[in-house]
Amino acid sequence: MLYWALIFFVVAVIAGIFGFGGIAAASAGIAKILFFIFLALCAIALVIRAMRGGSR
């Protein structure tokens, strides 16, 4: 998911450079949403791992 967030970020930057405001805003919004979903999933995974006491 982080990969897709980075892809949409790059699309937003390229679209912003060329002046496509609507496309840049949409891509940046999607990238932001995917990034926060990734962060939430990462935090949940860390909490579950800590609760299980696993070191792997």
N, C-alpha and C. Protein backbone atom coordinates (compact mmCIF):
# COMPACT_ATOMS: atom_id res chain seq x y z
N MET A 1 0.82 -1.18 0.00
CA MET A 1 0.00 0.00 0.00
C MET A 1 0.87 1.26 0.00
N LEU A 2 1.99 1.17 0.67
CA LEU A 2 2.90 2.31 0.66
C LEU A 2 3.40 2.56 -0.76
N TYR A 3 3.59 1.49 -1.51
CA TYR A 3 4.02 1.61 -2.91
C TYR A 3 3.01 2.44 -3.71
N TRP A 4 1.72 2.14 -3.53
CA TRP A 4 0.69 2.87 -4.26
C TRP A 4 0.61 4.32 -3.81
N ALA A 5 0.83 4.56 -2.52
CA ALA A 5 0.83 5.94 -2.02
C ALA A 5 1.96 6.73 -2.68
N LEU A 6 3.12 6.10 -2.82
CA LEU A 6 4.24 6.78 -3.47
C LEU A 6 3.96 7.02 -4.95
N ILE A 7 3.33 6.06 -5.61
CA ILE A 7 2.99 6.23 -7.03
C ILE A 7 2.05 7.42 -7.21
N PHE A 8 1.00 7.50 -6.38
CA PHE A 8 0.05 8.62 -6.50
C PHE A 8 0.72 9.94 -6.13
N PHE A 9 1.67 9.92 -5.20
CA PHE A 9 2.41 11.14 -4.86
C PHE A 9 3.22 11.63 -6.06
N VAL A 10 3.90 10.71 -6.73
CA VAL A 10 4.70 11.08 -7.91
C VAL A 10 3.79 11.61 -9.01
N VAL A 11 2.64 10.98 -9.23
CA VAL A 11 1.69 11.47 -10.23
C VAL A 11 1.23 12.87 -9.87
N ALA A 12 0.97 13.12 -8.58
CA ALA A 12 0.53 14.44 -8.14
C ALA A 12 1.60 15.49 -8.38
N VAL A 13 2.85 15.15 -8.10
CA VAL A 13 3.95 16.11 -8.31
C VAL A 13 4.12 16.41 -9.79
N ILE A 14 4.10 15.38 -10.63
CA ILE A 14 4.25 15.59 -12.07
C ILE A 14 3.08 16.40 -12.62
N ALA A 15 1.87 16.07 -12.19
CA ALA A 15 0.70 16.82 -12.65
C ALA A 15 0.75 18.27 -12.17
N GLY A 16 1.25 18.48 -10.97
CA GLY A 16 1.38 19.84 -10.45
C GLY A 16 2.39 20.67 -11.24
N ILE A 17 3.48 20.01 -11.64
CA ILE A 17 4.50 20.71 -12.43
C ILE A 17 3.93 21.16 -13.77
N PHE A 18 3.14 20.31 -14.39
CA PHE A 18 2.58 20.63 -15.70
C PHE A 18 1.29 21.44 -15.63
N GLY A 19 0.81 21.73 -14.43
CA GLY A 19 -0.32 22.62 -14.28
C GLY A 19 -1.69 21.96 -14.31
N PHE A 20 -1.75 20.66 -14.14
CA PHE A 20 -3.04 19.98 -14.09
C PHE A 20 -3.51 19.95 -12.65
N GLY A 21 -4.13 21.02 -12.20
CA GLY A 21 -4.50 21.18 -10.80
C GLY A 21 -5.47 20.13 -10.28
N GLY A 22 -6.49 19.81 -11.06
CA GLY A 22 -7.48 18.83 -10.62
C GLY A 22 -6.89 17.44 -10.45
N ILE A 23 -6.08 17.04 -11.42
CA ILE A 23 -5.44 15.71 -11.35
C ILE A 23 -4.45 15.68 -10.19
N ALA A 24 -3.71 16.75 -10.00
CA ALA A 24 -2.73 16.80 -8.91
C ALA A 24 -3.43 16.71 -7.56
N ALA A 25 -4.52 17.42 -7.40
CA ALA A 25 -5.24 17.40 -6.13
C ALA A 25 -5.84 16.03 -5.85
N ALA A 26 -6.40 15.41 -6.88
CA ALA A 26 -6.99 14.08 -6.71
C ALA A 26 -5.93 13.05 -6.36
N SER A 27 -4.81 13.08 -7.06
CA SER A 27 -3.72 12.13 -6.79
C SER A 27 -3.12 12.34 -5.41
N ALA A 28 -2.98 13.59 -5.02
CA ALA A 28 -2.44 13.88 -3.70
C ALA A 28 -3.40 13.40 -2.61
N GLY A 29 -4.68 13.56 -2.84
CA GLY A 29 -5.68 13.08 -1.88
C GLY A 29 -5.65 11.57 -1.73
N ILE A 30 -5.56 10.87 -2.85
CA ILE A 30 -5.49 9.40 -2.80
C ILE A 30 -4.21 8.96 -2.11
N ALA A 31 -3.10 9.61 -2.42
CA ALA A 31 -1.82 9.27 -1.78
C ALA A 31 -1.90 9.48 -0.27
N LYS A 32 -2.53 10.56 0.15
CA LYS A 32 -2.66 10.85 1.58
C LYS A 32 -3.50 9.79 2.28
N ILE A 33 -4.62 9.41 1.68
CA ILE A 33 -5.49 8.39 2.26
C ILE A 33 -4.77 7.06 2.38
N LEU A 34 -4.09 6.63 1.30
CA LEU A 34 -3.37 5.36 1.33
C LEU A 34 -2.24 5.38 2.35
N PHE A 35 -1.57 6.52 2.49
CA PHE A 35 -0.48 6.63 3.47
C PHE A 35 -1.00 6.45 4.89
N PHE A 36 -2.13 7.08 5.20
CA PHE A 36 -2.67 6.96 6.55
C PHE A 36 -3.22 5.56 6.82
N ILE A 37 -3.77 4.92 5.80
CA ILE A 37 -4.19 3.52 5.96
C ILE A 37 -2.98 2.65 6.25
N PHE A 38 -1.89 2.87 5.52
CA PHE A 38 -0.67 2.12 5.75
C PHE A 38 -0.15 2.34 7.17
N LEU A 39 -0.17 3.57 7.64
CA LEU A 39 0.30 3.86 9.00
C LEU A 39 -0.56 3.16 10.05
N ALA A 40 -1.87 3.17 9.83
CA ALA A 40 -2.77 2.50 10.78
C ALA A 40 -2.52 1.00 10.81
N LEU A 41 -2.37 0.39 9.65
CA LEU A 41 -2.10 -1.05 9.59
C LEU A 41 -0.76 -1.39 10.23
N CYS A 42 0.23 -0.55 10.03
CA CYS A 42 1.54 -0.75 10.63
C CYS A 42 1.45 -0.67 12.15
N ALA A 43 0.73 0.32 12.66
CA ALA A 43 0.57 0.46 14.11
C ALA A 43 -0.18 -0.73 14.70
N ILE A 44 -1.23 -1.19 14.02
CA ILE A 44 -1.98 -2.35 14.50
C ILE A 44 -1.08 -3.58 14.52
N ALA A 45 -0.28 -3.77 13.48
CA ALA A 45 0.62 -4.92 13.43
C ALA A 45 1.65 -4.86 14.56
N LEU A 46 2.16 -3.67 14.85
CA LEU A 46 3.15 -3.54 15.93
C LEU A 46 2.52 -3.84 17.29
N VAL A 47 1.29 -3.38 17.51
CA VAL A 47 0.61 -3.64 18.79
C VAL A 47 0.34 -5.14 18.94
N ILE A 48 -0.15 -5.77 17.89
CA ILE A 48 -0.42 -7.21 17.96
C ILE A 48 0.86 -7.98 18.21
N ARG A 49 1.93 -7.59 17.55
CA ARG A 49 3.21 -8.26 17.74
C ARG A 49 3.71 -8.09 19.17
N ALA A 50 3.54 -6.91 19.73
CA ALA A 50 3.98 -6.65 21.10
C ALA A 50 3.13 -7.45 22.09
N MET A 51 1.85 -7.58 21.81
CA MET A 51 0.98 -8.33 22.71
C MET A 51 1.29 -9.83 22.67
N ARG A 52 1.68 -10.32 21.53
CA ARG A 52 2.01 -11.75 21.40
C ARG A 52 3.37 -12.05 22.00
N GLY A 53 4.21 -11.05 22.11
CA GLY A 53 5.54 -11.24 22.70
C GLY A 53 6.52 -11.90 21.76
N GLY A 54 6.21 -11.92 20.50
CA GLY A 54 7.09 -12.55 19.52
C GLY A 54 8.24 -11.66 19.14
N SER A 55 9.38 -12.28 18.91
CA SER A 55 10.54 -11.51 18.49
C SER A 55 10.84 -11.73 17.02
N ARG A 56 10.00 -12.51 16.33
CA ARG A 56 10.23 -12.76 14.92
C ARG A 56 9.52 -11.76 14.08
